[in-house]
Amino acid sequence: MISRWIILLTSLWLAGCMSQVRHQQETLTELRQFRSDLTTHVEPLMLSVRQNKEETHALRLELEKLQRQIAKVQKHNAEVLSQLTQLQQTQLMAQAEEMPRSMVAEKLSQDRDKVILGSREWVWIDNIDQHLKARIDTGATTSSISAVNQVQFERNGEKWIRFDLTTRKQSFTVEAPILRWAQIQQASSETPEKRAVVELWIQVGKLRQKVEFTLSDRRNMRYPLLMGREFFKDIALIDVGRSYIQGKARTENSAKRNSAKPAVDSSAELSQKHSQKLSTNHSGDMN
């Protein structure tokens, strides 16, 4: 009985072992198949990676080659530019040496004919018959005049403007036609400021002309007038280290005021001489 049980258990054990061996063989077979499939898929990928590496290396070599060529071209261009600059300088020097003396003299004469202005000057304004201090600003394009209480009106079908030109001590009312409107961009504001533009006759030294002024409130500024480049370009040179070089211009109106009193004195003197002459003649007749 016991031997039968031993034989049965041995048979069962052997059957289990055989089943396990078959399972392991099947698993091994599946693993081998998986490895084969993986190898089949991996090998093309590895080949592609190697090809990409080779292409990348080739591109890197080509890029380095191009960079060396660009560096050579840039160096060559710099040398050519330097040679051209030297050639231009040589040509300019040769032209300057060949320039007729009359042309040099004419240029010097033109500069001598220009008026010298300081950084500040007295400006005569016809509309108010007064001299006002002005700043000569080489950094400004247009000229500006202090104007408050601006009032627009029409005169003879034209648009005019009336404003008060204020200084620290005086205020003058000015009326002038509106020439146009200008958009002025201030550094302290992002929005442009719309200003009226008028033309006024002014005189600085011997310079007398009509000048365009934008109207703005300059009461907080040191000078009621600012003269920009459009006023003095091509006709004046600016010596920023000096002030009031031209002094107060002698205008016709100021000349009339200055000569008014001497004219009265001359008339009185002539009248006195005439009276003396009559008295003398009368005395002679009496004698």
C-alpha atoms as a PDB file:
ATOM      1  CA  MET A   1       0.000   0.000   0.000  1.00  0.00           C
ATOM      2  CA  ILE A   2       2.768   2.361   0.933  1.00  0.00           C
ATOM      3  CA  SER A   3       4.682   1.529  -2.214  1.00  0.00           C
ATOM      4  CA  ARG A   4       1.666   2.456  -4.283  1.00  0.00           C
ATOM      5  CA  TRP A   5       1.460   5.835  -2.615  1.00  0.00           C
ATOM      6  CA  ILE A   6       5.156   6.379  -3.228  1.00  0.00           C
ATOM      7  CA  ILE A   7       4.803   5.479  -6.879  1.00  0.00           C
ATOM      8  CA  LEU A   8       1.753   7.797  -7.204  1.00  0.00           C
ATOM      9  CA  LEU A   9       3.491  10.720  -5.536  1.00  0.00           C
ATOM     10  CA  THR A  10       6.592  10.123  -7.617  1.00  0.00           C
ATOM     11  CA  SER A  11       4.526  10.102 -10.782  1.00  0.00           C
ATOM     12  CA  LEU A  12       2.777  13.310  -9.759  1.00  0.00           C
ATOM     13  CA  TRP A  13       6.079  14.953  -8.922  1.00  0.00           C
ATOM     14  CA  LEU A  14       7.592  13.881 -12.206  1.00  0.00           C
ATOM     15  CA  ALA A  15       4.501  15.117 -14.061  1.00  0.00           C
ATOM     16  CA  GLY A  16       4.774  18.507 -12.307  1.00  0.00           C
ATOM     17  CA  CYS A  17       8.433  18.732 -13.084  1.00  0.00           C
ATOM     18  CA  MET A  18       7.793  17.923 -16.717  1.00  0.00           C
ATOM     19  CA  SER A  19       5.040  20.554 -16.841  1.00  0.00           C
ATOM     20  CA  GLN A  20       7.360  23.132 -15.256  1.00  0.00           C
ATOM     21  CA  VAL A  21      10.119  22.241 -17.677  1.00  0.00           C
ATOM     22  CA  ARG A  22       7.739  22.630 -20.622  1.00  0.00           C
ATOM     23  CA  HIS A  23       6.590  25.992 -19.230  1.00  0.00           C
ATOM     24  CA  GLN A  24      10.165  27.147 -18.816  1.00  0.00           C
ATOM     25  CA  GLN A  25      10.986  25.993 -22.353  1.00  0.00           C
ATOM     26  CA  GLU A  26       7.989  27.888 -23.693  1.00  0.00           C
ATOM     27  CA  THR A  27       9.012  30.982 -21.732  1.00  0.00           C
ATOM     28  CA  LEU A  28      12.567  30.639 -22.995  1.00  0.00           C
ATOM     29  CA  THR A  29      11.273  30.264 -26.518  1.00  0.00           C
ATOM     30  CA  GLU A  30       9.146  33.383 -26.130  1.00  0.00           C
ATOM     31  CA  LEU A  31      12.110  35.305 -24.708  1.00  0.00           C
ATOM     32  CA  ARG A  32      14.268  34.223 -27.623  1.00  0.00           C
ATOM     33  CA  GLN A  33      11.541  35.310 -30.045  1.00  0.00           C
ATOM     34  CA  PHE A  34      11.189  38.678 -28.223  1.00  0.00           C
ATOM     35  CA  ARG A  35      14.945  39.183 -28.345  1.00  0.00           C
ATOM     36  CA  SER A  36      14.911  38.370 -32.024  1.00  0.00           C
ATOM     37  CA  ASP A  37      12.082  40.819 -32.656  1.00  0.00           C
ATOM     38  CA  LEU A  38      13.765  43.462 -30.523  1.00  0.00           C
ATOM     39  CA  THR A  39      17.004  42.983 -32.396  1.00  0.00           C
ATOM     40  CA  THR A  40      15.127  43.293 -35.652  1.00  0.00           C
ATOM     41  CA  HIS A  41      13.671  46.631 -34.566  1.00  0.00           C
ATOM     42  CA  VAL A  42      16.708  47.981 -32.714  1.00  0.00           C
ATOM     43  CA  GLU A  43      19.282  47.353 -35.413  1.00  0.00           C
ATOM     44  CA  PRO A  44      17.627  49.785 -37.900  1.00  0.00           C
ATOM     45  CA  LEU A  45      17.334  52.354 -35.130  1.00  0.00           C
ATOM     46  CA  MET A  46      20.981  51.972 -34.197  1.00  0.00           C
ATOM     47  CA  LEU A  47      21.895  52.235 -37.861  1.00  0.00           C
ATOM     48  CA  SER A  48      19.802  55.402 -38.163  1.00  0.00           C
ATOM     49  CA  VAL A  49      21.443  56.868 -35.047  1.00  0.00           C
ATOM     50  CA  ARG A  50      24.910  56.145 -36.432  1.00  0.00           C
ATOM     51  CA  GLN A  51      23.924  57.739 -39.741  1.00  0.00           C
ATOM     52  CA  ASN A  52      22.562  60.799 -37.928  1.00  0.00           C
ATOM     53  CA  LYS A  53      25.774  61.091 -35.926  1.00  0.00           C
ATOM     54  CA  GLU A  54      27.793  60.912 -39.102  1.00  0.00           C
ATOM     55  CA  GLU A  55      25.579  63.507 -40.785  1.00  0.00           C
ATOM     56  CA  THR A  56      25.750  65.765 -37.705  1.00  0.00           C
ATOM     57  CA  HIS A  57      29.511  65.484 -37.654  1.00  0.00           C
ATOM     58  CA  ALA A  58      29.653  66.251 -41.365  1.00  0.00           C
ATOM     59  CA  LEU A  59      27.368  69.284 -40.872  1.00  0.00           C
ATOM     60  CA  ARG A  60      29.493  70.495 -37.962  1.00  0.00           C
ATOM     61  CA  LEU A  61      32.599  70.246 -40.102  1.00  0.00           C
ATOM     62  CA  GLU A  62      30.830  72.101 -42.920  1.00  0.00           C
ATOM     63  CA  LEU A  63      29.667  74.818 -40.491  1.00  0.00           C
ATOM     64  CA  GLU A  64      33.175  75.282 -39.134  1.00  0.00           C
ATOM     65  CA  LYS A  65      34.422  75.543 -42.700  1.00  0.00           C
ATOM     66  CA  LEU A  66      31.813  78.176 -43.521  1.00  0.00           C
ATOM     67  CA  GLN A  67      32.672  80.126 -40.349  1.00  0.00           C
ATOM     68  CA  ARG A  68      36.328  80.166 -41.338  1.00  0.00           C
ATOM     69  CA  GLN A  69      35.368  81.385 -44.809  1.00  0.00           C
ATOM     70  CA  ILE A  70      33.115  84.116 -43.339  1.00  0.00           C
ATOM     71  CA  ALA A  71      35.941  85.238 -41.057  1.00  0.00           C
ATOM     72  CA  LYS A  72      38.260  85.460 -44.053  1.00  0.00           C
ATOM     73  CA  VAL A  73      35.681  87.454 -46.030  1.00  0.00           C
ATOM     74  CA  GLN A  74      35.094  89.830 -43.102  1.00  0.00           C
ATOM     75  CA  LYS A  75      38.813  90.352 -42.681  1.00  0.00           C
ATOM     76  CA  HIS A  76      39.148  90.995 -46.413  1.00  0.00           C
ATOM     77  CA  ASN A  77      36.228  93.455 -46.340  1.00  0.00           C
ATOM     78  CA  ALA A  78      37.779  95.294 -43.390  1.00  0.00           C
ATOM     79  CA  GLU A  79      41.059  95.579 -45.267  1.00  0.00           C
ATOM     80  CA  VAL A  80      39.266  96.816 -48.406  1.00  0.00           C
ATOM     81  CA  LEU A  81      37.251  99.338 -46.371  1.00  0.00           C
ATOM     82  CA  SER A  82      40.416 100.597 -44.695  1.00  0.00           C
ATOM     83  CA  GLN A  83      42.085 100.997 -48.088  1.00  0.00           C
ATOM     84  CA  LEU A  84      39.032 102.825 -49.467  1.00  0.00           C
ATOM     85  CA  THR A  85      38.984 105.150 -46.455  1.00  0.00           C
ATOM     86  CA  GLN A  86      42.661 105.939 -46.890  1.00  0.00           C
ATOM     87  CA  LEU A  87      42.098 106.480 -50.613  1.00  0.00           C
ATOM     88  CA  GLN A  88      39.182 108.845 -49.963  1.00  0.00           C
ATOM     89  CA  GLN A  89      41.215 110.782 -47.417  1.00  0.00           C
ATOM     90  CA  THR A  90      44.061 111.036 -49.905  1.00  0.00           C
ATOM     91  CA  GLN A  91      41.677 112.239 -52.618  1.00  0.00           C
ATOM     92  CA  LEU A  92      40.115 114.794 -50.283  1.00  0.00           C
ATOM     93  CA  MET A  93      43.529 116.086 -49.298  1.00  0.00           C
ATOM     94  CA  ALA A  94      44.496 116.288 -52.968  1.00  0.00           C
ATOM     95  CA  GLN A  95      41.269 118.137 -53.777  1.00  0.00           C
ATOM     96  CA  ALA A  96      41.849 120.505 -50.886  1.00  0.00           C
ATOM     97  CA  GLU A  97      45.355 121.197 -52.144  1.00  0.00           C
ATOM     98  CA  GLU A  98      44.033 121.737 -55.665  1.00  0.00           C
ATOM     99  CA  MET A  99      41.152 123.963 -54.500  1.00  0.00           C
ATOM    100  CA  PRO A 100      41.614 127.434 -55.944  1.00  0.00           C
ATOM    101  CA  ARG A 101      42.561 130.068 -53.466  1.00  0.00           C
ATOM    102  CA  SER A 102      39.546 132.077 -54.570  1.00  0.00           C
ATOM    103  CA  MET A 103      37.233 129.329 -53.304  1.00  0.00           C
ATOM    104  CA  VAL A 104      39.021 129.227 -49.960  1.00  0.00           C
ATOM    105  CA  ALA A 105      38.848 132.993 -49.744  1.00  0.00           C
ATOM    106  CA  GLU A 106      35.136 132.905 -50.629  1.00  0.00           C
ATOM    107  CA  LYS A 107      34.462 130.356 -47.863  1.00  0.00           C
ATOM    108  CA  LEU A 108      36.352 132.447 -45.332  1.00  0.00           C
ATOM    109  CA  SER A 109      34.504 135.527 -46.540  1.00  0.00           C
ATOM    110  CA  GLN A 110      31.160 133.791 -46.095  1.00  0.00           C
ATOM    111  CA  ASP A 111      32.040 132.905 -42.513  1.00  0.00           C
ATOM    112  CA  ARG A 112      33.226 136.468 -41.878  1.00  0.00           C
ATOM    113  CA  ASP A 113      29.940 137.818 -43.246  1.00  0.00           C
ATOM    114  CA  LYS A 114      27.948 135.803 -40.709  1.00  0.00           C
ATOM    115  CA  VAL A 115      26.844 137.530 -37.540  1.00  0.00           C
ATOM    116  CA  ILE A 116      28.234 136.228 -34.248  1.00  0.00           C
ATOM    117  CA  LEU A 117      25.548 135.613 -31.626  1.00  0.00           C
ATOM    118  CA  GLY A 118      25.999 134.710 -27.983  1.00  0.00           C
ATOM    119  CA  SER A 119      24.012 132.159 -26.031  1.00  0.00           C
ATOM    120  CA  ARG A 120      21.790 135.063 -24.891  1.00  0.00           C
ATOM    121  CA  GLU A 121      20.885 138.188 -26.863  1.00  0.00           C
ATOM    122  CA  TRP A 122      18.585 141.211 -26.819  1.00  0.00           C
ATOM    123  CA  VAL A 123      15.772 140.806 -29.372  1.00  0.00           C
ATOM    124  CA  TRP A 124      13.726 143.750 -30.625  1.00  0.00           C
ATOM    125  CA  ILE A 125      10.056 142.927 -31.337  1.00  0.00           C
ATOM    126  CA  ASP A 126       8.188 145.325 -33.595  1.00  0.00           C
ATOM    127  CA  ASN A 127       4.736 144.459 -32.221  1.00  0.00           C
ATOM    128  CA  ILE A 128       5.580 145.794 -28.757  1.00  0.00           C
ATOM    129  CA  ASP A 129       8.410 148.229 -29.620  1.00  0.00           C
ATOM    130  CA  GLN A 130      10.589 146.670 -26.935  1.00  0.00           C
ATOM    131  CA  HIS A 131      13.807 144.727 -26.454  1.00  0.00           C
ATOM    132  CA  LEU A 132      13.441 141.398 -24.655  1.00  0.00           C
ATOM    133  CA  LYS A 133      16.078 138.950 -23.493  1.00  0.00           C
ATOM    134  CA  ALA A 134      16.203 135.728 -25.491  1.00  0.00           C
ATOM    135  CA  ARG A 135      18.006 132.443 -25.223  1.00  0.00           C
ATOM    136  CA  ILE A 136      19.766 131.327 -28.422  1.00  0.00           C
ATOM    137  CA  ASP A 137      19.246 127.563 -28.416  1.00  0.00           C
ATOM    138  CA  THR A 138      21.231 125.491 -30.919  1.00  0.00           C
ATOM    139  CA  GLY A 139      19.347 122.401 -29.784  1.00  0.00           C
ATOM    140  CA  ALA A 140      15.890 123.733 -30.682  1.00  0.00           C
ATOM    141  CA  THR A 141      14.547 123.756 -34.232  1.00  0.00           C
ATOM    142  CA  THR A 142      11.774 126.339 -33.905  1.00  0.00           C
ATOM    143  CA  SER A 143      11.537 129.576 -31.953  1.00  0.00           C
ATOM    144  CA  SER A 144       9.088 130.068 -29.093  1.00  0.00           C
ATOM    145  CA  ILE A 145       7.553 133.110 -27.384  1.00  0.00           C
ATOM    146  CA  SER A 146       5.817 133.378 -24.033  1.00  0.00           C
ATOM    147  CA  ALA A 147       2.052 133.668 -24.546  1.00  0.00           C
ATOM    148  CA  VAL A 148      -0.790 133.472 -22.024  1.00  0.00           C
ATOM    149  CA  ASN A 149      -4.498 134.370 -22.172  1.00  0.00           C
ATOM    150  CA  GLN A 150      -4.668 133.295 -25.800  1.00  0.00           C
ATOM    151  CA  VAL A 151      -7.887 134.288 -27.578  1.00  0.00           C
ATOM    152  CA  GLN A 152      -8.703 133.425 -31.194  1.00  0.00           C
ATOM    153  CA  PHE A 153     -10.764 135.793 -33.349  1.00  0.00           C
ATOM    154  CA  GLU A 154     -11.400 136.690 -36.979  1.00  0.00           C
ATOM    155  CA  ARG A 155     -10.250 139.829 -38.765  1.00  0.00           C
ATOM    156  CA  ASN A 156     -10.988 140.487 -42.432  1.00  0.00           C
ATOM    157  CA  GLY A 157     -11.887 136.827 -42.916  1.00  0.00           C
ATOM    158  CA  GLU A 158      -8.585 135.596 -41.441  1.00  0.00           C
ATOM    159  CA  LYS A 159      -7.978 133.762 -38.187  1.00  0.00           C
ATOM    160  CA  TRP A 160      -6.021 135.843 -35.682  1.00  0.00           C
ATOM    161  CA  ILE A 161      -4.917 135.308 -32.118  1.00  0.00           C
ATOM    162  CA  ARG A 162      -4.514 137.721 -29.237  1.00  0.00           C
ATOM    163  CA  PHE A 163      -2.179 136.885 -26.345  1.00  0.00           C
ATOM    164  CA  ASP A 164      -0.287 138.460 -23.494  1.00  0.00           C
ATOM    165  CA  LEU A 165       3.480 138.406 -23.803  1.00  0.00           C
ATOM    166  CA  THR A 166       4.585 138.406 -20.173  1.00  0.00           C
ATOM    167  CA  THR A 167       7.973 139.015 -18.622  1.00  0.00           C
ATOM    168  CA  ARG A 168       8.946 139.215 -14.962  1.00  0.00           C
ATOM    169  CA  LYS A 169       8.261 142.954 -14.886  1.00  0.00           C
ATOM    170  CA  GLN A 170       5.959 143.724 -17.810  1.00  0.00           C
ATOM    171  CA  SER A 171       3.103 142.370 -19.896  1.00  0.00           C
ATOM    172  CA  PHE A 172       2.306 143.273 -23.518  1.00  0.00           C
ATOM    173  CA  THR A 173      -0.780 142.424 -25.577  1.00  0.00           C
ATOM    174  CA  VAL A 174       0.073 141.134 -29.040  1.00  0.00           C
ATOM    175  CA  GLU A 175      -2.241 140.411 -31.975  1.00  0.00           C
ATOM    176  CA  ALA A 176      -1.102 138.464 -35.024  1.00  0.00           C
ATOM    177  CA  PRO A 177      -2.540 136.225 -37.771  1.00  0.00           C
ATOM    178  CA  ILE A 178      -2.356 132.485 -37.122  1.00  0.00           C
ATOM    179  CA  LEU A 179       0.096 131.123 -39.659  1.00  0.00           C
ATOM    180  CA  ARG A 180      -0.504 127.454 -38.852  1.00  0.00           C
ATOM    181  CA  TRP A 181      -0.755 124.958 -35.987  1.00  0.00           C
ATOM    182  CA  ALA A 182       2.190 122.836 -34.833  1.00  0.00           C
ATOM    183  CA  GLN A 183       2.353 119.609 -32.832  1.00  0.00           C
ATOM    184  CA  ILE A 184       5.129 119.987 -30.227  1.00  0.00           C
ATOM    185  CA  GLN A 185       6.369 116.878 -28.397  1.00  0.00           C
ATOM    186  CA  GLN A 186       7.594 117.693 -24.897  1.00  0.00           C
ATOM    187  CA  ALA A 187      10.064 115.385 -23.145  1.00  0.00           C
ATOM    188  CA  SER A 188       7.914 115.463 -20.007  1.00  0.00           C
ATOM    189  CA  SER A 189       4.708 114.410 -21.802  1.00  0.00           C
ATOM    190  CA  GLU A 190       3.742 111.513 -24.044  1.00  0.00           C
ATOM    191  CA  THR A 191       0.982 113.492 -25.782  1.00  0.00           C
ATOM    192  CA  PRO A 192       2.006 116.163 -28.348  1.00  0.00           C
ATOM    193  CA  GLU A 193       0.920 119.723 -27.542  1.00  0.00           C
ATOM    194  CA  LYS A 194      -0.936 121.713 -30.196  1.00  0.00           C
ATOM    195  CA  ARG A 195       0.415 125.260 -30.490  1.00  0.00           C
ATOM    196  CA  ALA A 196      -0.439 128.220 -32.669  1.00  0.00           C
ATOM    197  CA  VAL A 197       2.351 129.578 -34.885  1.00  0.00           C
ATOM    198  CA  VAL A 198       2.624 133.293 -35.702  1.00  0.00           C
ATOM    199  CA  GLU A 199       5.106 135.441 -37.614  1.00  0.00           C
ATOM    200  CA  LEU A 200       6.652 138.495 -35.936  1.00  0.00           C
ATOM    201  CA  TRP A 201       9.198 141.031 -37.144  1.00  0.00           C
ATOM    202  CA  ILE A 202      12.261 140.973 -34.913  1.00  0.00           C
ATOM    203  CA  GLN A 203      15.785 142.353 -34.963  1.00  0.00           C
ATOM    204  CA  VAL A 204      18.996 141.127 -33.349  1.00  0.00           C
ATOM    205  CA  GLY A 205      21.928 143.400 -33.997  1.00  0.00           C
ATOM    206  CA  LYS A 206      21.861 143.939 -37.767  1.00  0.00           C
ATOM    207  CA  LEU A 207      19.712 140.850 -38.387  1.00  0.00           C
ATOM    208  CA  ARG A 208      16.164 141.897 -39.160  1.00  0.00           C
ATOM    209  CA  GLN A 209      13.613 139.406 -40.428  1.00  0.00           C
ATOM    210  CA  LYS A 210      10.237 137.768 -39.906  1.00  0.00           C
ATOM    211  CA  VAL A 211      10.454 134.785 -37.584  1.00  0.00           C
ATOM    212  CA  GLU A 212       7.953 132.028 -36.889  1.00  0.00           C
ATOM    213  CA  PHE A 213       7.157 131.610 -33.179  1.00  0.00           C
ATOM    214  CA  THR A 214       5.166 128.893 -31.462  1.00  0.00           C
ATOM    215  CA  LEU A 215       3.035 130.247 -28.619  1.00  0.00           C
ATOM    216  CA  SER A 216       3.650 128.665 -25.219  1.00  0.00           C
ATOM    217  CA  ASP A 217       3.466 129.601 -21.564  1.00  0.00           C
ATOM    218  CA  ARG A 218       7.063 130.473 -20.618  1.00  0.00           C
ATOM    219  CA  ARG A 219       6.299 132.301 -17.364  1.00  0.00           C
ATOM    220  CA  ASN A 220       8.296 129.696 -15.457  1.00  0.00           C
ATOM    221  CA  MET A 221      11.217 130.043 -17.863  1.00  0.00           C
ATOM    222  CA  ARG A 222      14.087 132.463 -17.380  1.00  0.00           C
ATOM    223  CA  TYR A 223      13.704 134.007 -20.833  1.00  0.00           C
ATOM    224  CA  PRO A 224      10.408 134.903 -22.546  1.00  0.00           C
ATOM    225  CA  LEU A 225      11.934 134.201 -25.953  1.00  0.00           C
ATOM    226  CA  LEU A 226      13.716 131.128 -27.283  1.00  0.00           C
ATOM    227  CA  MET A 227      15.360 131.444 -30.699  1.00  0.00           C
ATOM    228  CA  GLY A 228      15.820 128.148 -32.570  1.00  0.00           C
ATOM    229  CA  ARG A 229      17.994 127.060 -35.470  1.00  0.00           C
ATOM    230  CA  GLU A 230      15.462 128.108 -38.124  1.00  0.00           C
ATOM    231  CA  PHE A 231      16.153 131.716 -37.131  1.00  0.00           C
ATOM    232  CA  PHE A 232      19.954 131.802 -37.355  1.00  0.00           C
ATOM    233  CA  LYS A 233      20.886 128.968 -39.745  1.00  0.00           C
ATOM    234  CA  ASP A 234      23.147 130.052 -42.634  1.00  0.00           C
ATOM    235  CA  ILE A 235      23.269 133.649 -41.366  1.00  0.00           C
ATOM    236  CA  ALA A 236      24.895 133.486 -37.927  1.00  0.00           C
ATOM    237  CA  LEU A 237      27.491 131.654 -35.866  1.00  0.00           C
ATOM    238  CA  ILE A 238      26.880 130.929 -32.176  1.00  0.00           C
ATOM    239  CA  ASP A 239      29.538 131.547 -29.523  1.00  0.00           C
ATOM    240  CA  VAL A 240      27.980 129.738 -26.551  1.00  0.00           C
ATOM    241  CA  GLY A 241      30.648 131.063 -24.214  1.00  0.00           C
ATOM    242  CA  ARG A 242      29.546 134.685 -24.645  1.00  0.00           C
ATOM    243  CA  SER A 243      26.331 136.635 -24.066  1.00  0.00           C
ATOM    244  CA  TYR A 244      24.735 139.794 -25.497  1.00  0.00           C
ATOM    245  CA  ILE A 245      27.405 140.204 -28.170  1.00  0.00           C
ATOM    246  CA  GLN A 246      25.125 142.276 -30.399  1.00  0.00           C
ATOM    247  CA  GLY A 247      23.705 144.457 -27.658  1.00  0.00           C
ATOM    248  CA  LYS A 248      20.390 146.245 -28.155  1.00  0.00           C
ATOM    249  CA  ALA A 249      19.644 146.780 -31.825  1.00  0.00           C
ATOM    250  CA  ARG A 250      19.237 150.391 -32.947  1.00  0.00           C
ATOM    251  CA  THR A 251      15.906 150.229 -34.755  1.00  0.00           C
ATOM    252  CA  GLU A 252      14.033 152.984 -36.571  1.00  0.00           C
ATOM    253  CA  ASN A 253      11.588 153.373 -33.707  1.00  0.00           C
ATOM    254  CA  SER A 254      14.307 153.582 -31.060  1.00  0.00           C
ATOM    255  CA  ALA A 255      16.224 156.032 -33.262  1.00  0.00           C
ATOM    256  CA  LYS A 256      13.139 158.211 -33.546  1.00  0.00           C
ATOM    257  CA  ARG A 257      12.670 158.219 -29.768  1.00  0.00           C
ATOM    258  CA  ASN A 258      16.341 159.066 -29.179  1.00  0.00           C
ATOM    259  CA  SER A 259      16.334 161.829 -31.784  1.00  0.00           C
ATOM    260  CA  ALA A 260      13.042 163.376 -30.661  1.00  0.00           C
ATOM    261  CA  LYS A 261      14.550 165.452 -27.847  1.00  0.00           C
ATOM    262  CA  PRO A 262      17.564 166.801 -29.814  1.00  0.00           C
ATOM    263  CA  ALA A 263      15.185 167.812 -32.577  1.00  0.00           C
ATOM    264  CA  VAL A 264      13.220 169.964 -30.126  1.00  0.00           C
ATOM    265  CA  ASP A 265      16.429 171.494 -28.796  1.00  0.00           C
ATOM    266  CA  SER A 266      17.543 172.295 -32.334  1.00  0.00           C
ATOM    267  CA  SER A 267      14.240 173.995 -33.102  1.00  0.00           C
ATOM    268  CA  ALA A 268      14.505 176.102 -29.934  1.00  0.00           C
ATOM    269  CA  GLU A 269      18.071 177.046 -30.760  1.00  0.00           C
ATOM    270  CA  LEU A 270      17.120 178.108 -34.277  1.00  0.00           C
ATOM    271  CA  SER A 271      14.212 180.129 -32.874  1.00  0.00           C
ATOM    272  CA  GLN A 272      16.545 181.810 -30.387  1.00  0.00           C
ATOM    273  CA  LYS A 273      19.061 182.670 -33.105  1.00  0.00           C
ATOM    274  CA  HIS A 274      16.273 184.049 -35.264  1.00  0.00           C
ATOM    275  CA  SER A 275      15.075 186.248 -32.381  1.00  0.00           C
ATOM    276  CA  GLN A 276      18.594 187.519 -31.744  1.00  0.00           C
ATOM    277  CA  LYS A 277      18.966 188.360 -35.424  1.00  0.00           C
ATOM    278  CA  LEU A 278      15.700 190.279 -35.421  1.00  0.00           C
ATOM    279  CA  SER A 279      16.743 192.124 -32.253  1.00  0.00           C
ATOM    280  CA  THR A 280      20.071 193.089 -33.816  1.00  0.00           C
ATOM    281  CA  ASN A 281      18.424 194.338 -36.963  1.00  0.00           C
ATOM    282  CA  HIS A 282      15.944 196.317 -34.922  1.00  0.00           C
ATOM    283  CA  SER A 283      18.773 197.895 -32.882  1.00  0.00           C
ATOM    284  CA  GLY A 284      20.517 198.894 -36.055  1.00  0.00           C
ATOM    285  CA  ASP A 285      17.431 200.528 -37.305  1.00  0.00           C
ATOM    286  CA  MET A 286      17.024 202.367 -34.025  1.00  0.00           C
ATOM    287  CA  ASN A 287      20.578 203.641 -34.178  1.00  0.00           C
END
